[in-house]
């Protein structure tokens, strides 16, 4: 059970801190300068954690296993980061921005899961989409 729950708990904790940090980036700081520092710290943390959890591992072997996904993910993460920074600068509340994007994301991923990964679109998922839409309407009032 713990192996099922802890990753989601980590995502929720990290995303909460992430939203606080994104909202706290100074308004007069170029967001790409901020992201440069962010990614340098992230790269250093990744190298350290790689060595902590993979003693004796080889970066060369790992790099040989790469496909397109990490490269595209790098660009996509920049889009996520700068999107939230600009959303907060545009006046979005921290209590609404992430919730609104999560609602739309949930709908989008249900469609992606159905169309590209052949995951079943059940009646409970359709009801979930409807509830997401209703929730988005209430949050944005």
N, C-alpha and C. Protein backbone atom coordinates (compact mmCIF):
# COMPACT_ATOMS: atom_id res chain seq x y z
N UNK A 1 0.82 -1.20 0.00
CA UNK A 1 0.00 0.00 0.00
C UNK A 1 0.87 1.27 0.00
N UNK A 2 1.91 1.28 0.83
CA UNK A 2 2.79 2.44 0.91
C UNK A 2 3.45 2.73 -0.43
N UNK A 3 3.84 1.67 -1.15
CA UNK A 3 4.49 1.87 -2.45
C UNK A 3 3.52 2.47 -3.46
N UNK A 4 2.25 2.36 -3.21
CA UNK A 4 1.22 2.93 -4.08
C UNK A 4 0.94 4.39 -3.72
N UNK A 5 0.99 4.70 -2.44
CA UNK A 5 0.58 6.01 -1.95
C UNK A 5 1.73 7.02 -1.95
N UNK A 6 2.94 6.61 -1.56
CA UNK A 6 4.01 7.60 -1.37
C UNK A 6 4.34 8.40 -2.63
N UNK A 7 4.30 7.81 -3.85
CA UNK A 7 4.63 8.66 -5.01
C UNK A 7 3.62 9.79 -5.21
N UNK A 8 2.35 9.52 -4.98
CA UNK A 8 1.32 10.55 -5.14
C UNK A 8 1.46 11.59 -4.04
N UNK A 9 1.77 11.14 -2.82
CA UNK A 9 2.00 12.09 -1.73
C UNK A 9 3.18 13.01 -2.06
N UNK A 10 4.23 12.45 -2.64
CA UNK A 10 5.39 13.25 -3.04
C UNK A 10 5.01 14.26 -4.12
N UNK A 11 4.19 13.84 -5.08
CA UNK A 11 3.75 14.74 -6.15
C UNK A 11 2.91 15.88 -5.56
N UNK A 12 2.01 15.56 -4.66
CA UNK A 12 1.15 16.59 -4.06
C UNK A 12 1.99 17.57 -3.24
N UNK A 13 2.90 17.06 -2.42
CA UNK A 13 3.76 17.94 -1.63
C UNK A 13 4.64 18.80 -2.55
N UNK A 14 5.25 18.17 -3.52
CA UNK A 14 6.13 18.90 -4.44
C UNK A 14 5.35 19.93 -5.25
N UNK A 15 4.15 19.57 -5.70
CA UNK A 15 3.35 20.50 -6.49
C UNK A 15 2.87 21.67 -5.65
N UNK A 16 2.58 21.42 -4.38
CA UNK A 16 2.18 22.51 -3.49
C UNK A 16 3.32 23.51 -3.33
N UNK A 17 4.51 23.00 -3.06
CA UNK A 17 5.68 23.86 -2.92
C UNK A 17 6.00 24.54 -4.25
N UNK A 18 5.85 23.80 -5.34
CA UNK A 18 6.08 24.34 -6.69
C UNK A 18 5.19 25.56 -6.95
N UNK A 19 3.90 25.45 -6.62
CA UNK A 19 2.97 26.55 -6.86
C UNK A 19 3.34 27.76 -6.01
N UNK A 20 3.73 27.53 -4.77
CA UNK A 20 4.15 28.63 -3.89
C UNK A 20 5.38 29.32 -4.48
N UNK A 21 6.35 28.53 -4.93
CA UNK A 21 7.57 29.09 -5.53
C UNK A 21 7.26 29.84 -6.82
N UNK A 22 6.40 29.27 -7.68
CA UNK A 22 6.06 29.94 -8.94
C UNK A 22 5.40 31.28 -8.68
N UNK A 23 4.51 31.33 -7.70
CA UNK A 23 3.84 32.58 -7.38
C UNK A 23 4.80 33.57 -6.74
N UNK A 24 5.88 33.09 -6.14
CA UNK A 24 6.82 33.95 -5.42
C UNK A 24 7.99 34.45 -6.27
N UNK A 25 8.06 34.05 -7.54
CA UNK A 25 9.12 34.56 -8.41
C UNK A 25 8.90 36.07 -8.54
N UNK A 26 9.93 36.88 -8.27
CA UNK A 26 9.75 38.33 -8.34
C UNK A 26 9.22 38.78 -9.70
N UNK A 27 8.29 39.71 -9.69
CA UNK A 27 7.65 40.19 -10.91
C UNK A 27 8.58 40.88 -11.87
N UNK A 28 9.68 41.43 -11.35
CA UNK A 28 10.62 42.12 -12.23
C UNK A 28 11.77 41.23 -12.68
N UNK A 29 11.73 39.96 -12.31
CA UNK A 29 12.76 39.00 -12.73
C UNK A 29 12.31 38.31 -14.01
N UNK A 30 13.18 38.27 -15.00
CA UNK A 30 12.86 37.56 -16.23
C UNK A 30 12.62 36.09 -15.88
N UNK A 31 11.48 35.53 -16.25
CA UNK A 31 11.17 34.15 -15.85
C UNK A 31 12.18 33.13 -16.39
N UNK A 32 12.80 33.44 -17.51
CA UNK A 32 13.76 32.48 -18.06
C UNK A 32 15.07 32.50 -17.29
N UNK A 33 15.43 33.64 -16.69
CA UNK A 33 16.59 33.68 -15.79
C UNK A 33 16.30 32.84 -14.55
N UNK A 34 15.07 32.98 -14.03
CA UNK A 34 14.66 32.18 -12.88
C UNK A 34 14.70 30.69 -13.21
N UNK A 35 14.20 30.34 -14.39
CA UNK A 35 14.17 28.92 -14.78
C UNK A 35 15.58 28.37 -14.99
N UNK A 36 16.50 29.21 -15.42
CA UNK A 36 17.88 28.74 -15.58
C UNK A 36 18.43 28.29 -14.24
N UNK A 37 18.22 29.09 -13.20
CA UNK A 37 18.66 28.70 -11.86
C UNK A 37 17.91 27.45 -11.41
N UNK A 38 16.62 27.43 -11.66
CA UNK A 38 15.79 26.28 -11.27
C UNK A 38 16.34 24.99 -11.87
N UNK A 39 16.66 25.02 -13.16
CA UNK A 39 17.12 23.80 -13.82
C UNK A 39 18.54 23.44 -13.46
N UNK A 40 19.38 24.42 -13.14
CA UNK A 40 20.73 24.10 -12.67
C UNK A 40 20.65 23.39 -11.32
N UNK A 41 19.80 23.89 -10.43
CA UNK A 41 19.60 23.23 -9.14
C UNK A 41 19.00 21.84 -9.36
N UNK A 42 18.02 21.74 -10.25
CA UNK A 42 17.40 20.44 -10.55
C UNK A 42 18.40 19.46 -11.14
N UNK A 43 19.27 19.93 -12.02
CA UNK A 43 20.28 19.05 -12.61
C UNK A 43 21.25 18.56 -11.54
N UNK A 44 21.68 19.45 -10.67
CA UNK A 44 22.59 19.04 -9.58
C UNK A 44 21.91 18.03 -8.66
N UNK A 45 20.66 18.30 -8.30
CA UNK A 45 19.91 17.37 -7.44
C UNK A 45 19.76 16.01 -8.13
N UNK A 46 19.50 16.02 -9.44
CA UNK A 46 19.34 14.77 -10.18
C UNK A 46 20.64 13.96 -10.21
N UNK A 47 21.76 14.64 -10.40
CA UNK A 47 23.06 13.94 -10.41
C UNK A 47 23.34 13.32 -9.05
N UNK A 48 23.11 14.10 -8.00
CA UNK A 48 23.35 13.58 -6.65
C UNK A 48 22.43 12.40 -6.36
N UNK A 49 21.13 12.54 -6.66
CA UNK A 49 20.18 11.44 -6.39
C UNK A 49 20.48 10.22 -7.26
N UNK A 50 20.94 10.44 -8.49
CA UNK A 50 21.33 9.31 -9.34
C UNK A 50 22.41 8.49 -8.65
N UNK A 51 23.40 9.16 -8.12
CA UNK A 51 24.51 8.44 -7.48
C UNK A 51 24.11 7.84 -6.13
N UNK A 52 23.20 8.48 -5.42
CA UNK A 52 22.73 7.94 -4.14
C UNK A 52 21.93 6.66 -4.35
N UNK A 53 21.05 6.66 -5.36
CA UNK A 53 20.16 5.52 -5.58
C UNK A 53 20.67 4.51 -6.60
N UNK A 54 21.79 4.80 -7.23
CA UNK A 54 22.31 3.90 -8.26
C UNK A 54 23.83 3.80 -8.12
N UNK A 55 24.27 3.33 -6.98
CA UNK A 55 25.72 3.23 -6.72
C UNK A 55 26.37 2.36 -7.78
N UNK A 56 27.45 2.89 -8.33
CA UNK A 56 28.18 2.14 -9.34
C UNK A 56 27.54 2.20 -10.72
N UNK A 57 26.49 2.99 -10.87
CA UNK A 57 25.82 3.11 -12.16
C UNK A 57 26.66 3.92 -13.13
N UNK A 58 26.30 3.83 -14.37
CA UNK A 58 27.04 4.52 -15.42
C UNK A 58 26.11 5.44 -16.21
N UNK A 59 26.45 6.74 -16.20
CA UNK A 59 25.67 7.68 -17.00
C UNK A 59 25.72 7.31 -18.47
N UNK A 60 26.87 6.83 -18.93
CA UNK A 60 27.01 6.48 -20.34
C UNK A 60 26.01 5.39 -20.72
N UNK A 61 25.86 4.38 -19.87
CA UNK A 61 24.89 3.32 -20.14
C UNK A 61 23.47 3.88 -20.12
N UNK A 62 23.20 4.74 -19.16
CA UNK A 62 21.86 5.33 -19.06
C UNK A 62 21.55 6.17 -20.29
N UNK A 63 22.52 6.98 -20.72
CA UNK A 63 22.29 7.82 -21.90
C UNK A 63 22.05 6.99 -23.15
N UNK A 64 22.62 5.80 -23.19
CA UNK A 64 22.39 4.91 -24.31
C UNK A 64 20.96 4.39 -24.39
N UNK A 65 20.23 4.51 -23.29
CA UNK A 65 18.84 4.04 -23.23
C UNK A 65 17.83 5.14 -23.55
N UNK A 66 18.31 6.35 -23.78
CA UNK A 66 17.40 7.47 -24.01
C UNK A 66 16.60 7.29 -25.30
N UNK A 67 15.39 7.80 -25.27
CA UNK A 67 14.60 7.93 -26.49
C UNK A 67 14.21 9.40 -26.63
N UNK A 68 13.21 9.71 -27.38
CA UNK A 68 12.79 11.08 -27.63
C UNK A 68 12.19 11.76 -26.41
N UNK A 69 11.61 10.98 -25.50
CA UNK A 69 10.79 11.53 -24.42
C UNK A 69 11.52 12.52 -23.51
N UNK A 70 12.74 12.23 -23.01
CA UNK A 70 13.38 13.22 -22.13
C UNK A 70 13.69 14.55 -22.82
N UNK A 71 13.94 14.50 -24.11
CA UNK A 71 14.24 15.73 -24.84
C UNK A 71 12.99 16.59 -24.98
N UNK A 72 11.88 15.97 -25.35
CA UNK A 72 10.62 16.70 -25.45
C UNK A 72 10.17 17.16 -24.07
N UNK A 73 10.37 16.31 -23.06
CA UNK A 73 9.99 16.65 -21.69
C UNK A 73 10.70 17.92 -21.23
N UNK A 74 11.95 18.10 -21.63
CA UNK A 74 12.68 19.32 -21.28
C UNK A 74 11.97 20.56 -21.78
N UNK A 75 11.51 20.54 -23.02
CA UNK A 75 10.78 21.69 -23.57
C UNK A 75 9.42 21.85 -22.90
N UNK A 76 8.75 20.75 -22.65
CA UNK A 76 7.41 20.79 -22.05
C UNK A 76 7.47 21.33 -20.63
N UNK A 77 8.49 20.94 -19.88
CA UNK A 77 8.62 21.42 -18.50
C UNK A 77 8.83 22.93 -18.48
N UNK A 78 9.60 23.45 -19.43
CA UNK A 78 9.77 24.90 -19.53
C UNK A 78 8.42 25.56 -19.78
N UNK A 79 7.61 24.97 -20.65
CA UNK A 79 6.27 25.51 -20.91
C UNK A 79 5.41 25.51 -19.65
N UNK A 80 5.47 24.45 -18.88
CA UNK A 80 4.70 24.38 -17.64
C UNK A 80 5.15 25.47 -16.66
N UNK A 81 6.45 25.54 -16.48
CA UNK A 81 7.00 26.49 -15.52
C UNK A 81 6.65 27.92 -15.89
N UNK A 82 6.97 28.30 -17.11
CA UNK A 82 6.75 29.69 -17.52
C UNK A 82 5.25 29.99 -17.62
N UNK A 83 4.46 29.00 -17.97
CA UNK A 83 3.01 29.19 -18.01
C UNK A 83 2.45 29.57 -16.65
N UNK A 84 2.87 28.86 -15.61
CA UNK A 84 2.39 29.20 -14.27
C UNK A 84 2.93 30.56 -13.81
N UNK A 85 4.20 30.85 -14.10
CA UNK A 85 4.75 32.15 -13.70
C UNK A 85 3.93 33.28 -14.34
N UNK A 86 3.67 33.17 -15.65
CA UNK A 86 2.89 34.20 -16.34
C UNK A 86 1.43 34.21 -15.88
N UNK A 87 0.88 33.06 -15.55
CA UNK A 87 -0.51 33.03 -15.04
C UNK A 87 -0.60 33.80 -13.72
N UNK A 88 0.35 33.58 -12.83
CA UNK A 88 0.33 34.29 -11.55
C UNK A 88 0.57 35.79 -11.76
N UNK A 89 1.44 36.14 -12.70
CA UNK A 89 1.67 37.56 -13.00
C UNK A 89 0.43 38.20 -13.61
N UNK A 90 -0.38 37.40 -14.30
CA UNK A 90 -1.61 37.92 -14.91
C UNK A 90 -2.74 38.06 -13.89
N UNK A 91 -2.51 37.59 -12.67
CA UNK A 91 -3.50 37.77 -11.62
C UNK A 91 -4.21 36.52 -11.14
N UNK A 92 -3.86 35.36 -11.68
CA UNK A 92 -4.49 34.13 -11.20
C UNK A 92 -4.16 33.93 -9.72
N UNK A 93 -5.13 33.47 -8.98
CA UNK A 93 -4.91 33.15 -7.57
C UNK A 93 -4.27 31.76 -7.47
N UNK A 94 -3.39 31.60 -6.48
CA UNK A 94 -2.74 30.31 -6.30
C UNK A 94 -3.77 29.22 -5.99
N UNK A 95 -4.89 29.60 -5.38
CA UNK A 95 -5.93 28.63 -5.05
C UNK A 95 -6.77 28.23 -6.26
N UNK A 96 -6.61 28.93 -7.39
CA UNK A 96 -7.44 28.62 -8.55
C UNK A 96 -6.64 28.13 -9.75
N UNK A 97 -5.47 28.70 -10.01
CA UNK A 97 -4.73 28.39 -11.24
C UNK A 97 -4.45 26.89 -11.38
N UNK A 98 -3.88 26.29 -10.36
CA UNK A 98 -3.53 24.87 -10.45
C UNK A 98 -4.78 23.99 -10.53
N UNK A 99 -5.83 24.39 -9.82
CA UNK A 99 -7.06 23.60 -9.84
C UNK A 99 -7.70 23.65 -11.22
N UNK A 100 -7.73 24.83 -11.81
CA UNK A 100 -8.33 24.98 -13.14
C UNK A 100 -7.53 24.17 -14.16
N UNK A 101 -6.21 24.32 -14.15
CA UNK A 101 -5.42 23.56 -15.11
C UNK A 101 -5.53 22.06 -14.86
N UNK A 102 -5.65 21.66 -13.61
CA UNK A 102 -5.80 20.23 -13.30
C UNK A 102 -7.12 19.68 -13.82
N UNK A 103 -8.17 20.48 -13.74
CA UNK A 103 -9.46 20.05 -14.27
C UNK A 103 -9.39 19.84 -15.78
N UNK A 104 -8.83 20.83 -16.48
CA UNK A 104 -8.68 20.68 -17.92
C UNK A 104 -7.72 19.55 -18.27
N UNK A 105 -6.67 19.41 -17.47
CA UNK A 105 -5.71 18.33 -17.68
C UNK A 105 -6.37 16.96 -17.52
N UNK A 106 -7.21 16.83 -16.51
CA UNK A 106 -7.91 15.56 -16.29
C UNK A 106 -8.76 15.18 -17.51
N UNK A 107 -9.47 16.16 -18.04
CA UNK A 107 -10.29 15.91 -19.23
C UNK A 107 -9.40 15.53 -20.41
N UNK A 108 -8.33 16.29 -20.60
CA UNK A 108 -7.40 16.02 -21.70
C UNK A 108 -6.79 14.62 -21.60
N UNK A 109 -6.36 14.26 -20.41
CA UNK A 109 -5.71 12.95 -20.25
C UNK A 109 -6.68 11.78 -20.36
N UNK A 110 -7.94 12.01 -20.01
CA UNK A 110 -8.93 10.95 -20.25
C UNK A 110 -9.07 10.70 -21.75
N UNK A 111 -9.07 11.78 -22.52
CA UNK A 111 -9.16 11.62 -23.98
C UNK A 111 -7.88 10.99 -24.54
N UNK A 112 -6.72 11.43 -24.07
CA UNK A 112 -5.45 10.85 -24.52
C UNK A 112 -5.39 9.36 -24.17
N UNK A 113 -5.78 9.04 -22.95
CA UNK A 113 -5.77 7.64 -22.52
C UNK A 113 -6.67 6.77 -23.37
N UNK A 114 -7.81 7.30 -23.73
CA UNK A 114 -8.76 6.55 -24.55
C UNK A 114 -8.27 6.41 -25.99
N UNK A 115 -7.83 7.52 -26.58
CA UNK A 115 -7.47 7.52 -28.00
C UNK A 115 -6.12 6.86 -28.29
N UNK A 116 -5.12 7.11 -27.45
CA UNK A 116 -3.76 6.65 -27.76
C UNK A 116 -3.32 5.41 -26.99
N UNK A 117 -3.90 5.20 -25.81
CA UNK A 117 -3.48 4.06 -24.99
C UNK A 117 -4.59 3.02 -24.82
N UNK A 118 -5.68 3.24 -25.49
CA UNK A 118 -6.81 2.30 -25.51
C UNK A 118 -7.31 1.95 -24.11
N UNK A 119 -7.26 2.96 -23.22
CA UNK A 119 -7.83 2.77 -21.90
C UNK A 119 -9.35 2.92 -22.02
N UNK A 120 -10.09 2.14 -21.27
CA UNK A 120 -11.54 2.21 -21.42
C UNK A 120 -12.11 3.53 -20.92
N UNK A 121 -13.06 4.09 -21.67
CA UNK A 121 -13.79 5.28 -21.25
C UNK A 121 -15.10 4.80 -20.64
N UNK A 122 -15.09 4.69 -19.33
CA UNK A 122 -16.23 4.13 -18.61
C UNK A 122 -17.24 5.22 -18.27
N UNK A 123 -18.40 4.79 -17.85
CA UNK A 123 -19.43 5.76 -17.46
C UNK A 123 -18.97 6.58 -16.25
N UNK A 124 -18.21 5.98 -15.36
CA UNK A 124 -17.74 6.75 -14.20
C UNK A 124 -16.73 7.81 -14.63
N UNK A 125 -15.94 7.54 -15.67
CA UNK A 125 -15.00 8.55 -16.18
C UNK A 125 -15.76 9.68 -16.87
N UNK A 126 -16.82 9.34 -17.57
CA UNK A 126 -17.64 10.37 -18.23
C UNK A 126 -18.29 11.26 -17.17
N UNK A 127 -18.79 10.64 -16.11
CA UNK A 127 -19.35 11.43 -15.00
C UNK A 127 -18.26 12.30 -14.38
N UNK A 128 -17.05 11.76 -14.25
CA UNK A 128 -15.92 12.54 -13.73
C UNK A 128 -15.61 13.76 -14.60
N UNK A 129 -15.67 13.57 -15.93
CA UNK A 129 -15.46 14.71 -16.84
C UNK A 129 -16.54 15.76 -16.60
N UNK A 130 -17.78 15.33 -16.49
CA UNK A 130 -18.88 16.28 -16.25
C UNK A 130 -18.67 17.02 -14.93
N UNK A 131 -18.25 16.31 -13.90
CA UNK A 131 -18.00 16.95 -12.61
C UNK A 131 -16.83 17.93 -12.70
N UNK A 132 -15.80 17.59 -13.46
CA UNK A 132 -14.68 18.51 -13.68
C UNK A 132 -15.18 19.80 -14.31
N UNK A 133 -16.02 19.67 -15.33
CA UNK A 133 -16.55 20.85 -16.02
C UNK A 133 -17.39 21.70 -15.08
N UNK A 134 -18.24 21.05 -14.30
CA UNK A 134 -19.07 21.78 -13.33
C UNK A 134 -18.16 22.46 -12.31
N UNK A 135 -17.15 21.75 -11.83
CA UNK A 135 -16.22 22.34 -10.88
C UNK A 135 -15.48 23.54 -11.45
N UNK A 136 -15.08 23.44 -12.70
CA UNK A 136 -14.40 24.57 -13.36
C UNK A 136 -15.30 25.79 -13.45
N UNK A 137 -16.58 25.55 -13.71
CA UNK A 137 -17.53 26.66 -13.78
C UNK A 137 -17.64 27.34 -12.40
N UNK A 138 -17.73 26.54 -11.33
CA UNK A 138 -17.86 27.11 -9.99
C UNK A 138 -16.58 27.83 -9.56
N UNK A 139 -15.43 27.27 -9.85
CA UNK A 139 -14.16 27.89 -9.44
C UNK A 139 -13.97 29.23 -10.13
N UNK A 140 -14.42 29.33 -11.36
CA UNK A 140 -14.18 30.56 -12.14
C UNK A 140 -15.28 31.61 -11.97
N UNK A 141 -16.24 31.37 -11.11
CA UNK A 141 -17.30 32.37 -10.87
C UNK A 141 -16.78 33.45 -9.96
